[in-house]
N, C-alpha and C. Protein backbone atom coordinates (compact mmCIF):
# COMPACT_ATOMS: atom_id res chain seq x y z
N MET A 1 5.83 -4.29 -21.77
CA MET A 1 5.89 -4.75 -23.15
C MET A 1 7.13 -5.70 -23.29
N LEU A 2 8.15 -5.45 -22.74
CA LEU A 2 9.36 -6.40 -22.71
C LEU A 2 9.02 -7.75 -22.02
N GLU A 3 8.31 -7.64 -20.89
CA GLU A 3 7.97 -8.66 -20.11
C GLU A 3 7.12 -9.77 -20.88
N LYS A 4 6.16 -9.28 -21.77
CA LYS A 4 5.34 -10.27 -22.41
C LYS A 4 5.50 -10.31 -23.84
N GLY A 5 6.55 -9.45 -24.23
CA GLY A 5 6.89 -9.49 -25.84
C GLY A 5 5.86 -8.71 -26.69
N ILE A 6 5.24 -7.74 -26.09
CA ILE A 6 4.30 -7.06 -26.88
C ILE A 6 4.90 -5.91 -27.75
N GLY A 7 4.87 -6.10 -29.03
CA GLY A 7 5.51 -5.11 -29.91
C GLY A 7 7.12 -5.18 -30.05
N THR A 8 7.56 -6.10 -29.36
CA THR A 8 9.07 -6.33 -29.29
C THR A 8 9.34 -7.78 -28.90
N ALA A 9 10.67 -8.24 -28.98
CA ALA A 9 10.91 -9.48 -28.44
C ALA A 9 10.71 -9.70 -26.94
N LYS A 10 10.33 -10.66 -26.45
CA LYS A 10 10.13 -10.97 -25.13
C LYS A 10 11.50 -10.97 -24.47
N ASP A 11 11.68 -10.21 -23.38
CA ASP A 11 12.80 -10.15 -22.66
C ASP A 11 12.62 -9.70 -21.20
N PRO A 12 12.25 -10.72 -20.36
CA PRO A 12 11.98 -10.57 -18.89
C PRO A 12 13.13 -9.83 -18.15
N LYS A 13 14.35 -10.22 -18.41
CA LYS A 13 15.55 -9.63 -17.74
C LYS A 13 15.61 -8.11 -18.11
N GLN A 14 15.48 -7.73 -19.24
CA GLN A 14 15.43 -6.29 -19.72
C GLN A 14 14.35 -5.65 -19.12
N ALA A 15 13.14 -6.29 -18.87
CA ALA A 15 11.97 -5.59 -18.34
C ALA A 15 12.18 -5.43 -16.94
N LEU A 16 12.87 -6.30 -16.28
CA LEU A 16 13.27 -6.16 -14.78
C LEU A 16 14.19 -5.03 -14.69
N PHE A 17 15.16 -4.96 -15.48
CA PHE A 17 16.20 -3.83 -15.54
C PHE A 17 15.45 -2.43 -15.54
N TRP A 18 14.57 -2.25 -16.49
CA TRP A 18 13.90 -1.03 -16.69
C TRP A 18 12.80 -0.72 -15.66
N CYS A 19 12.20 -1.77 -15.05
CA CYS A 19 11.33 -1.64 -13.97
C CYS A 19 12.15 -1.08 -12.80
N ARG A 20 13.26 -1.74 -12.42
CA ARG A 20 14.09 -1.24 -11.45
C ARG A 20 14.59 0.24 -11.52
N GLN A 21 15.06 0.62 -12.78
CA GLN A 21 15.40 1.87 -13.07
C GLN A 21 14.30 2.88 -12.74
N ALA A 22 13.27 2.63 -13.26
CA ALA A 22 12.03 3.44 -12.96
C ALA A 22 11.64 3.68 -11.54
N ALA A 23 11.81 2.55 -10.86
CA ALA A 23 11.51 2.50 -9.35
C ALA A 23 12.41 3.36 -8.70
N GLN A 24 13.76 3.31 -9.00
CA GLN A 24 14.75 4.13 -8.36
C GLN A 24 14.64 5.48 -8.64
N GLN A 25 13.97 5.86 -9.72
CA GLN A 25 13.79 7.34 -10.10
C GLN A 25 12.50 7.80 -9.41
N GLY A 26 11.75 6.98 -8.66
CA GLY A 26 10.63 7.50 -7.89
C GLY A 26 9.30 7.28 -8.45
N ILE A 27 9.26 6.53 -9.71
CA ILE A 27 7.93 6.37 -10.29
C ILE A 27 6.98 5.19 -9.45
N ALA A 28 6.06 5.68 -8.96
CA ALA A 28 5.19 4.85 -8.12
C ALA A 28 4.73 3.54 -8.68
N GLU A 29 4.32 3.62 -9.94
CA GLU A 29 3.85 2.44 -10.72
C GLU A 29 4.97 1.46 -10.82
N ALA A 30 6.12 1.89 -11.01
CA ALA A 30 7.26 0.97 -11.10
C ALA A 30 7.61 0.41 -9.77
N GLN A 31 7.57 1.18 -8.72
CA GLN A 31 7.91 0.73 -7.34
C GLN A 31 6.87 -0.38 -6.87
N GLU A 32 5.57 -0.08 -7.38
CA GLU A 32 4.54 -1.04 -7.07
C GLU A 32 4.76 -2.42 -7.80
N GLU A 33 5.12 -2.37 -9.00
CA GLU A 33 5.48 -3.50 -9.85
C GLU A 33 6.71 -4.30 -9.25
N LEU A 34 7.65 -3.61 -8.94
CA LEU A 34 8.86 -4.08 -8.50
C LEU A 34 8.60 -4.80 -7.04
N ALA A 35 7.79 -4.22 -6.28
CA ALA A 35 7.35 -4.80 -4.88
C ALA A 35 6.56 -6.15 -5.24
N ASP A 36 5.68 -6.05 -6.11
CA ASP A 36 4.85 -7.32 -6.56
C ASP A 36 5.91 -8.46 -6.96
N ARG A 37 6.76 -7.98 -7.76
CA ARG A 37 7.83 -9.08 -8.29
C ARG A 37 8.54 -9.70 -7.13
N TYR A 38 8.91 -8.77 -6.12
CA TYR A 38 9.74 -9.44 -4.97
C TYR A 38 8.77 -10.23 -4.16
N GLN A 39 7.49 -9.83 -3.96
CA GLN A 39 6.63 -10.53 -3.19
C GLN A 39 6.19 -12.02 -3.74
N MET A 40 6.09 -11.96 -4.97
CA MET A 40 5.75 -13.22 -5.88
C MET A 40 6.96 -14.05 -6.17
N GLY A 41 8.14 -13.41 -6.15
CA GLY A 41 9.29 -14.17 -6.67
C GLY A 41 9.17 -14.26 -8.14
N ARG A 42 8.82 -13.12 -8.92
CA ARG A 42 8.68 -13.23 -10.34
C ARG A 42 9.91 -12.52 -10.86
N GLY A 43 10.91 -13.24 -11.38
CA GLY A 43 12.16 -12.72 -12.04
C GLY A 43 13.16 -12.26 -10.94
N VAL A 44 12.77 -12.45 -9.77
CA VAL A 44 13.81 -12.17 -8.64
C VAL A 44 13.68 -13.19 -7.48
N ALA A 45 14.40 -13.23 -6.68
CA ALA A 45 14.33 -14.05 -5.49
C ALA A 45 13.24 -13.57 -4.63
N LYS A 46 12.25 -14.34 -4.18
CA LYS A 46 11.17 -13.96 -3.35
C LYS A 46 11.78 -13.17 -2.03
N ASP A 47 11.27 -12.10 -1.78
CA ASP A 47 11.81 -11.31 -0.62
C ASP A 47 10.80 -10.37 -0.08
N ASP A 48 9.93 -10.76 1.03
CA ASP A 48 8.99 -10.05 1.41
C ASP A 48 9.53 -8.56 2.06
N LYS A 49 10.61 -8.57 2.63
CA LYS A 49 11.14 -7.31 3.05
C LYS A 49 11.33 -6.29 2.08
N LEU A 50 11.86 -6.74 0.91
CA LEU A 50 12.14 -5.88 -0.31
C LEU A 50 10.72 -5.42 -0.75
N ALA A 51 9.76 -6.35 -0.85
CA ALA A 51 8.50 -5.95 -1.34
C ALA A 51 7.99 -4.91 -0.52
N VAL A 52 8.05 -5.03 0.84
CA VAL A 52 7.51 -4.04 1.80
C VAL A 52 8.18 -2.53 1.52
N HIS A 53 9.50 -2.77 1.32
CA HIS A 53 10.38 -1.52 1.09
C HIS A 53 9.85 -0.91 -0.16
N TRP A 54 9.52 -1.46 -1.39
CA TRP A 54 9.04 -0.89 -2.45
C TRP A 54 7.71 -0.41 -2.29
N TRP A 55 6.81 -1.19 -1.71
CA TRP A 55 5.38 -0.76 -1.51
C TRP A 55 5.37 0.42 -0.68
N LEU A 56 6.24 0.67 0.25
CA LEU A 56 6.21 1.68 1.21
C LEU A 56 6.60 2.99 0.24
N LYS A 57 7.64 2.98 -0.57
CA LYS A 57 7.88 3.99 -1.42
C LYS A 57 6.64 4.45 -2.21
N ALA A 58 6.07 3.41 -2.78
CA ALA A 58 4.90 3.66 -3.57
C ALA A 58 3.72 4.23 -2.81
N GLY A 59 3.39 3.68 -1.70
CA GLY A 59 2.30 3.95 -0.88
C GLY A 59 2.51 5.27 -0.22
N GLU A 60 3.68 5.74 0.04
CA GLU A 60 3.95 7.09 0.47
C GLU A 60 3.62 8.02 -0.57
N GLN A 61 3.62 7.83 -1.85
CA GLN A 61 3.20 8.63 -2.92
C GLN A 61 1.66 8.61 -3.16
N GLY A 62 1.05 7.79 -2.44
CA GLY A 62 -0.50 7.75 -2.63
C GLY A 62 -0.91 6.55 -3.57
N HIS A 63 -0.04 5.72 -3.83
CA HIS A 63 -0.40 4.56 -4.85
C HIS A 63 -1.33 3.55 -3.97
N THR A 64 -2.67 3.52 -4.48
CA THR A 64 -3.67 2.78 -3.69
C THR A 64 -3.32 1.32 -3.57
N VAL A 65 -2.91 0.66 -4.65
CA VAL A 65 -2.65 -0.78 -4.62
C VAL A 65 -1.53 -1.01 -3.64
N ALA A 66 -0.47 -0.20 -3.66
CA ALA A 66 0.65 -0.32 -2.72
C ALA A 66 0.25 -0.12 -1.28
N GLN A 67 -0.77 0.84 -1.02
CA GLN A 67 -1.19 0.96 0.25
C GLN A 67 -1.93 -0.27 0.78
N ARG A 68 -2.73 -0.80 -0.08
CA ARG A 68 -3.61 -2.02 0.21
C ARG A 68 -2.71 -3.12 0.55
N ASN A 69 -1.61 -3.35 -0.31
CA ASN A 69 -0.67 -4.46 -0.09
C ASN A 69 0.17 -4.17 1.28
N LEU A 70 0.56 -3.04 1.53
CA LEU A 70 1.16 -2.70 2.80
C LEU A 70 0.29 -3.18 3.92
N GLY A 71 -0.99 -2.76 3.86
CA GLY A 71 -1.93 -3.19 4.89
C GLY A 71 -1.93 -4.59 5.18
N ALA A 72 -1.97 -5.38 4.06
CA ALA A 72 -2.00 -6.79 4.13
C ALA A 72 -0.65 -7.39 4.79
N MET A 73 0.43 -6.83 4.33
CA MET A 73 1.77 -7.30 4.86
C MET A 73 1.83 -6.99 6.41
N TYR A 74 1.45 -5.88 6.80
CA TYR A 74 1.45 -5.65 8.22
C TYR A 74 0.52 -6.50 9.01
N PHE A 75 -0.70 -6.69 8.42
CA PHE A 75 -1.59 -7.61 9.02
C PHE A 75 -1.11 -9.02 9.21
N LEU A 76 -0.44 -9.47 8.21
CA LEU A 76 -0.12 -10.83 8.13
C LEU A 76 1.36 -11.13 8.72
N GLY A 77 2.05 -9.97 8.92
CA GLY A 77 3.43 -10.11 9.35
C GLY A 77 4.42 -10.57 8.37
N TYR A 78 4.17 -10.31 7.11
CA TYR A 78 5.13 -10.69 6.04
C TYR A 78 6.10 -9.68 5.76
N GLY A 79 7.28 -9.83 5.96
CA GLY A 79 8.42 -8.88 5.62
C GLY A 79 8.58 -7.84 6.79
N VAL A 80 7.52 -7.84 7.74
CA VAL A 80 7.60 -6.80 8.85
C VAL A 80 6.79 -7.53 9.93
N PRO A 81 7.08 -6.99 11.26
CA PRO A 81 6.28 -7.53 12.33
C PRO A 81 4.87 -7.29 12.19
N LYS A 82 4.01 -8.15 12.81
CA LYS A 82 2.52 -7.89 12.70
C LYS A 82 2.34 -6.61 13.44
N ASP A 83 1.48 -5.70 12.75
CA ASP A 83 1.13 -4.51 13.41
C ASP A 83 -0.31 -4.12 12.99
N TYR A 84 -1.23 -4.50 13.67
CA TYR A 84 -2.66 -4.19 13.29
C TYR A 84 -2.99 -2.61 13.03
N VAL A 85 -2.39 -1.78 13.86
CA VAL A 85 -2.51 -0.42 13.86
C VAL A 85 -2.00 0.12 12.40
N THR A 86 -0.82 -0.25 12.14
CA THR A 86 -0.15 0.13 10.96
C THR A 86 -1.01 -0.44 9.61
N ALA A 87 -1.40 -1.70 9.80
CA ALA A 87 -2.33 -2.31 8.70
C ALA A 87 -3.38 -1.59 8.58
N TYR A 88 -4.06 -1.29 9.58
CA TYR A 88 -5.49 -0.50 9.60
C TYR A 88 -5.21 0.86 8.78
N MET A 89 -4.19 1.68 9.23
CA MET A 89 -3.84 2.80 8.67
C MET A 89 -3.74 2.72 7.19
N TRP A 90 -2.88 1.91 6.65
CA TRP A 90 -2.69 1.70 5.26
C TRP A 90 -3.86 1.32 4.46
N LEU A 91 -4.67 0.39 5.12
CA LEU A 91 -5.90 -0.17 4.42
C LEU A 91 -7.04 0.87 4.48
N ASN A 92 -7.07 1.79 5.52
CA ASN A 92 -7.90 2.87 5.52
C ASN A 92 -7.62 3.90 4.51
N LEU A 93 -6.29 4.22 4.21
CA LEU A 93 -6.01 5.09 3.09
C LEU A 93 -6.30 4.64 1.82
N ALA A 94 -6.09 3.28 1.67
CA ALA A 94 -6.32 2.77 0.32
C ALA A 94 -7.95 2.64 0.11
N ALA A 95 -8.60 2.35 1.19
CA ALA A 95 -10.10 2.27 1.10
C ALA A 95 -10.71 3.79 0.82
N SER A 96 -10.01 4.68 1.32
CA SER A 96 -10.54 6.07 1.02
C SER A 96 -10.48 6.47 -0.47
N ASN A 97 -9.64 5.63 -1.22
CA ASN A 97 -9.54 5.82 -2.66
C ASN A 97 -10.43 4.88 -3.34
N ARG A 98 -11.42 4.44 -2.70
CA ARG A 98 -12.57 3.63 -3.22
C ARG A 98 -12.01 2.12 -3.58
N ASP A 99 -10.92 1.66 -2.97
CA ASP A 99 -10.56 0.36 -3.17
C ASP A 99 -11.40 -0.70 -2.42
N ARG A 100 -12.11 -1.41 -3.09
CA ARG A 100 -13.04 -2.31 -2.57
C ARG A 100 -12.32 -3.54 -1.74
N LEU A 101 -11.32 -3.94 -2.25
CA LEU A 101 -10.51 -5.11 -1.65
C LEU A 101 -9.87 -4.48 -0.30
N ALA A 102 -9.56 -3.27 -0.27
CA ALA A 102 -8.87 -2.67 0.90
C ALA A 102 -9.92 -2.60 1.92
N LYS A 103 -11.22 -2.19 1.62
CA LYS A 103 -12.39 -2.14 2.56
C LYS A 103 -12.58 -3.41 3.10
N ARG A 104 -12.57 -4.50 2.46
CA ARG A 104 -12.71 -5.88 2.95
C ARG A 104 -11.61 -6.27 4.05
N TRP A 105 -10.42 -5.97 3.55
CA TRP A 105 -9.21 -6.12 4.34
C TRP A 105 -9.28 -5.48 5.58
N ARG A 106 -9.62 -4.18 5.52
CA ARG A 106 -9.79 -3.33 6.58
C ARG A 106 -10.91 -3.93 7.77
N GLU A 107 -12.01 -4.32 7.21
CA GLU A 107 -12.95 -4.99 8.03
C GLU A 107 -12.35 -6.20 8.83
N THR A 108 -11.75 -6.94 8.09
CA THR A 108 -10.97 -8.25 8.63
C THR A 108 -9.99 -7.74 9.66
N VAL A 109 -9.17 -6.84 9.49
CA VAL A 109 -8.15 -6.30 10.34
C VAL A 109 -8.93 -5.82 11.54
N ALA A 110 -9.93 -5.02 11.44
CA ALA A 110 -10.79 -4.35 12.57
C ALA A 110 -11.34 -5.41 13.50
N LYS A 111 -11.68 -6.58 13.01
CA LYS A 111 -12.23 -7.66 13.95
C LYS A 111 -11.16 -8.11 14.92
N GLU A 112 -9.94 -7.94 14.60
CA GLU A 112 -8.80 -8.41 15.41
C GLU A 112 -8.31 -7.30 16.41
N MET A 113 -9.02 -6.10 16.26
CA MET A 113 -8.41 -5.01 17.04
C MET A 113 -9.36 -4.45 18.06
N THR A 114 -8.90 -3.78 19.12
CA THR A 114 -9.61 -3.11 20.11
C THR A 114 -10.21 -1.77 19.52
N ARG A 115 -11.09 -1.24 20.28
CA ARG A 115 -11.61 0.10 19.86
C ARG A 115 -10.43 1.20 19.80
N SER A 116 -9.56 1.13 20.82
CA SER A 116 -8.50 2.01 21.00
C SER A 116 -7.54 1.89 19.82
N GLN A 117 -7.28 0.60 19.43
CA GLN A 117 -6.27 0.37 18.31
C GLN A 117 -6.89 1.00 16.98
N ILE A 118 -8.21 0.77 16.72
CA ILE A 118 -8.92 1.25 15.61
C ILE A 118 -8.76 2.80 15.57
N ALA A 119 -9.04 3.51 16.71
CA ALA A 119 -9.03 4.95 16.87
C ALA A 119 -7.54 5.38 16.51
N LYS A 120 -6.59 4.63 17.06
CA LYS A 120 -5.23 4.93 16.69
C LYS A 120 -4.95 4.93 15.25
N GLY A 121 -5.29 3.74 14.63
CA GLY A 121 -5.03 3.65 13.20
C GLY A 121 -5.80 4.76 12.32
N GLN A 122 -6.99 5.11 12.74
CA GLN A 122 -7.75 6.10 12.04
C GLN A 122 -6.94 7.45 12.30
N GLN A 123 -6.46 7.71 13.40
CA GLN A 123 -5.73 8.94 13.73
C GLN A 123 -4.43 9.01 12.85
N ARG A 124 -3.77 7.90 12.72
CA ARG A 124 -2.48 7.88 11.97
C ARG A 124 -2.91 8.07 10.44
N ALA A 125 -3.95 7.61 9.97
CA ALA A 125 -4.37 7.81 8.63
C ALA A 125 -4.62 9.27 8.30
N SER A 126 -5.40 9.87 9.29
CA SER A 126 -5.68 11.37 9.22
C SER A 126 -4.41 12.18 9.28
N GLU A 127 -3.52 11.81 10.06
CA GLU A 127 -2.23 12.45 10.21
C GLU A 127 -1.43 12.38 8.87
N TRP A 128 -1.45 11.16 8.31
CA TRP A 128 -0.82 10.95 7.02
C TRP A 128 -1.32 11.91 6.02
N LEU A 129 -2.60 12.01 5.89
CA LEU A 129 -3.45 12.78 4.93
C LEU A 129 -3.03 14.28 5.09
N GLU A 130 -3.13 14.70 6.48
CA GLU A 130 -2.79 16.17 6.73
C GLU A 130 -1.42 16.53 6.23
N GLN A 131 -0.41 15.62 6.60
CA GLN A 131 1.02 15.91 6.15
C GLN A 131 1.17 16.10 4.65
N ARG A 132 0.32 15.47 3.89
CA ARG A 132 0.39 15.45 2.39
C ARG A 132 -0.54 16.30 1.70
N ALA A 133 -1.61 16.90 2.50
CA ALA A 133 -2.52 17.82 1.93
C ALA A 133 -1.85 19.16 1.76
N GLY A 134 -2.18 19.74 0.44
CA GLY A 134 -1.70 20.95 0.15
C GLY A 134 -2.18 22.14 1.03
N ASN A 135 -3.39 21.95 1.53
CA ASN A 135 -3.86 23.12 2.46
C ASN A 135 -4.91 22.30 3.32
N ARG A 136 -5.37 23.23 4.36
CA ARG A 136 -6.27 22.69 5.41
C ARG A 136 -7.56 22.14 4.82
N HIS A 137 -8.20 22.83 3.93
CA HIS A 137 -9.44 22.48 3.20
C HIS A 137 -9.32 21.15 2.69
N GLU A 138 -8.25 20.99 2.01
CA GLU A 138 -7.94 19.63 1.33
C GLU A 138 -7.83 18.56 2.26
N ALA A 139 -7.13 18.82 3.43
CA ALA A 139 -7.01 17.76 4.41
C ALA A 139 -8.36 17.44 5.06
N GLU A 140 -9.17 18.51 5.31
CA GLU A 140 -10.49 18.06 5.82
C GLU A 140 -11.35 17.31 4.87
N GLY A 141 -11.37 17.55 3.61
CA GLY A 141 -12.02 16.72 2.66
C GLY A 141 -11.60 15.37 2.59
N ALA A 142 -10.29 15.22 2.54
CA ALA A 142 -9.66 13.95 2.57
C ALA A 142 -10.02 13.10 3.81
N ARG A 143 -9.98 13.79 5.07
CA ARG A 143 -10.25 13.08 6.25
C ARG A 143 -11.68 12.65 6.22
N GLU A 144 -12.64 13.21 5.64
CA GLU A 144 -14.02 12.70 5.55
C GLU A 144 -14.10 11.51 4.81
N MET A 145 -13.20 11.22 3.87
CA MET A 145 -13.23 9.84 3.04
C MET A 145 -12.72 8.71 3.96
N LEU A 146 -12.16 9.00 5.04
CA LEU A 146 -11.67 7.89 6.03
C LEU A 146 -12.80 7.55 6.82
N THR A 147 -13.34 6.32 6.62
CA THR A 147 -14.45 5.78 7.40
C THR A 147 -13.97 4.66 8.13
N PRO A 148 -14.28 4.68 9.49
CA PRO A 148 -13.94 3.53 10.34
C PRO A 148 -14.63 2.23 9.88
N ALA A 149 -13.93 1.18 9.92
CA ALA A 149 -14.64 0.02 9.61
C ALA A 149 -15.83 -0.51 10.25
N ILE A 150 -15.74 -0.07 11.65
CA ILE A 150 -16.76 -0.49 12.52
C ILE A 150 -17.25 0.78 13.12
N ARG A 151 -18.65 1.07 13.30
CA ARG A 151 -19.26 2.19 13.91
C ARG A 151 -19.55 1.68 15.39
N PHE A 152 -19.14 2.50 16.26
CA PHE A 152 -19.43 2.03 17.76
C PHE A 152 -20.46 3.04 18.23
N PRO A 153 -21.44 2.50 18.96
CA PRO A 153 -22.53 3.43 19.59
C PRO A 153 -22.09 4.53 20.55
């Protein structure tokens, strides 16, 4: 609201202040927003490393857009070294939440990977889900949502 002046005077600096406060309090939506600001250079100096930092915090909480953006950053090597396995893991997690753009990114990443790398990315996504699932049944259900981008015979 402060960013765009909806219902109040427009104040981008104040908007950034409150966004940062909320992000530091662990609010995933604010962390994703702050990451986006750093990645785009909107109200702050462009900094891909800080974008990855904040997307990681949001992604670890299950924020789908943050997970998709992490996958893209690892695939492209922005703010982090290129890592197709990690990119695939994050994109697979976002895709399991029905994020269509993440599914397309995952397919693109998979084209650059070996079967072994895809399997490793799939395994890491499954392990991530298991660590966060409240029980074994929940983990099994979540794992079923993880679909490899490419089916091998």
